[in-house]
Amino acid sequence: MACALGRLGLGRSCAEFPGFRRQNVRTLSLIICTFTYLLVGAAVFDALESDNEMREEEKLKAEEIRLKGKYNITSEDYRQLELVIMQSEPHRAGVQWKFAGSFYFAITVITTIGE
């Protein structure tokens, strides 16, 4: 197998850089391991949190139907009330534990480990 430096026309062989290929393999291995760790972490967080969040969403839908019936609120009035509540509590505006959010959380776990 030809050395990458030789292919670039630098006129040197891999024999002149014995640690070059080994270091690349190590770096690539670390990147693959880190990415795999992130994917597994995201899958775990997704599995733990998404079912609970879906159950909560079903409860909220049932409560919405109950409130509309009890207070005779139209869907438009209910949406307006919901909008006001969401603006006062932004963290309740949407689903947080989807795979992308779980992946982001897994990244924050890695970046906060250490000194």
Protein backbone atom coordinates (compact mmCIF):
# COMPACT_ATOMS: atom_id res chain seq x y z
CA MET A 1 0.00 0.00 0.00
CA ALA A 2 1.45 3.34 -1.01
CA CYS A 3 2.03 6.05 1.53
CA ALA A 4 -0.32 9.01 1.43
CA LEU A 5 2.66 11.37 1.31
CA GLY A 6 4.04 9.60 -1.76
CA ARG A 7 0.68 9.91 -3.49
CA LEU A 8 0.70 13.61 -2.74
CA GLY A 9 3.96 13.94 -4.64
CA LEU A 10 6.07 14.79 -1.61
CA GLY A 11 8.64 12.17 -2.62
CA ARG A 12 8.79 10.44 0.75
CA SER A 13 7.90 6.89 1.61
CA CYS A 14 6.01 5.56 4.59
CA ALA A 15 9.24 3.99 5.83
CA GLU A 16 10.45 7.50 6.66
CA PHE A 17 7.37 8.03 8.87
CA PRO A 18 6.87 4.74 10.78
CA GLY A 19 4.37 6.18 13.26
CA PHE A 20 2.36 8.06 10.65
CA ARG A 21 -0.03 5.28 9.69
CA ARG A 22 -0.30 3.91 13.22
CA GLN A 23 -1.24 7.35 14.58
CA ASN A 24 -3.94 7.72 11.91
CA VAL A 25 -5.40 4.35 12.86
CA ARG A 26 -5.43 5.33 16.54
CA THR A 27 -7.09 8.66 15.80
CA LEU A 28 -9.71 7.07 13.57
CA SER A 29 -10.36 4.39 16.19
CA LEU A 30 -10.90 7.02 18.89
CA ILE A 31 -13.26 8.97 16.65
CA ILE A 32 -15.26 5.84 15.84
CA CYS A 33 -15.41 4.79 19.51
CA THR A 34 -16.53 8.26 20.60
CA PHE A 35 -19.21 8.44 17.91
CA THR A 36 -20.42 4.92 18.79
CA TYR A 37 -20.55 5.91 22.47
CA LEU A 38 -22.64 8.95 21.55
CA LEU A 39 -25.05 6.89 19.45
CA VAL A 40 -25.51 4.30 22.21
CA GLY A 41 -26.00 7.05 24.80
CA ALA A 42 -28.57 8.77 22.61
CA ALA A 43 -30.42 5.49 22.09
CA VAL A 44 -30.50 4.86 25.85
CA PHE A 45 -31.82 8.34 26.66
CA ASP A 46 -34.35 8.06 23.84
CA ALA A 47 -35.56 4.67 25.11
CA LEU A 48 -35.82 5.86 28.71
CA GLU A 49 -37.51 9.19 28.11
CA SER A 50 -39.57 9.05 24.91
CA ASP A 51 -42.22 6.56 26.16
CA ASN A 52 -42.83 8.62 29.28
CA GLU A 53 -43.11 11.78 27.23
CA MET A 54 -45.63 10.17 24.87
CA ARG A 55 -47.75 9.09 27.85
CA GLU A 56 -47.66 12.65 29.17
CA GLU A 57 -48.75 13.96 25.78
CA GLU A 58 -51.70 11.54 25.76
CA LYS A 59 -52.70 12.74 29.24
CA LEU A 60 -52.57 16.35 28.04
CA LYS A 61 -54.76 15.54 25.04
CA ALA A 62 -57.31 13.86 27.31
CA GLU A 63 -57.24 16.86 29.65
CA GLU A 64 -57.72 19.20 26.67
CA ILE A 65 -60.84 17.29 25.62
CA ARG A 66 -62.14 17.30 29.19
CA LEU A 67 -61.60 21.05 29.63
CA LYS A 68 -63.17 21.90 26.27
CA GLY A 69 -66.25 19.91 27.24
CA LYS A 70 -66.47 21.19 30.81
CA TYR A 71 -66.05 24.90 29.99
CA ASN A 72 -67.53 24.81 26.48
CA ILE A 73 -64.34 26.27 24.96
CA THR A 74 -63.87 26.30 21.20
CA SER A 75 -60.69 24.87 19.72
CA GLU A 76 -59.58 28.35 18.68
CA ASP A 77 -60.06 29.75 22.21
CA TYR A 78 -58.25 26.76 23.65
CA ARG A 79 -55.31 27.29 21.25
CA GLN A 80 -55.14 30.95 22.27
CA LEU A 81 -55.06 29.99 25.95
CA GLU A 82 -52.43 27.37 25.20
CA LEU A 83 -50.31 29.95 23.36
CA VAL A 84 -50.38 32.30 26.35
CA ILE A 85 -49.35 29.49 28.68
CA MET A 86 -46.52 28.37 26.38
CA GLN A 87 -45.16 31.89 26.16
CA SER A 88 -45.07 32.11 29.93
CA GLU A 89 -43.41 28.69 30.26
CA PRO A 90 -41.11 28.17 27.25
CA HIS A 91 -39.65 24.87 28.46
CA ARG A 92 -43.05 23.19 28.08
CA ALA A 93 -43.42 24.21 24.43
CA GLY A 94 -42.31 20.97 22.81
CA VAL A 95 -40.98 17.45 23.01
CA GLN A 96 -37.42 17.44 24.28
CA TRP A 97 -36.51 13.76 24.29
CA LYS A 98 -36.39 12.86 20.63
CA PHE A 99 -33.32 11.11 19.27
CA ALA A 100 -31.68 14.40 18.21
CA GLY A 101 -32.19 15.88 21.69
CA SER A 102 -30.89 12.69 23.26
CA PHE A 103 -27.81 12.81 21.02
CA TYR A 104 -27.20 16.42 22.07
CA PHE A 105 -27.49 15.44 25.74
CA ALA A 106 -25.03 12.57 25.23
CA ILE A 107 -22.57 15.08 23.72
CA THR A 108 -22.93 17.34 26.76
CA VAL A 109 -22.17 14.37 29.02
CA ILE A 110 -18.88 13.77 27.22
CA THR A 111 -17.88 17.42 27.17
CA THR A 112 -18.46 17.88 30.91
CA ILE A 113 -16.35 14.89 31.95
CA GLY A 114 -12.88 15.82 33.11
CA GLU A 115 -11.23 18.72 34.80
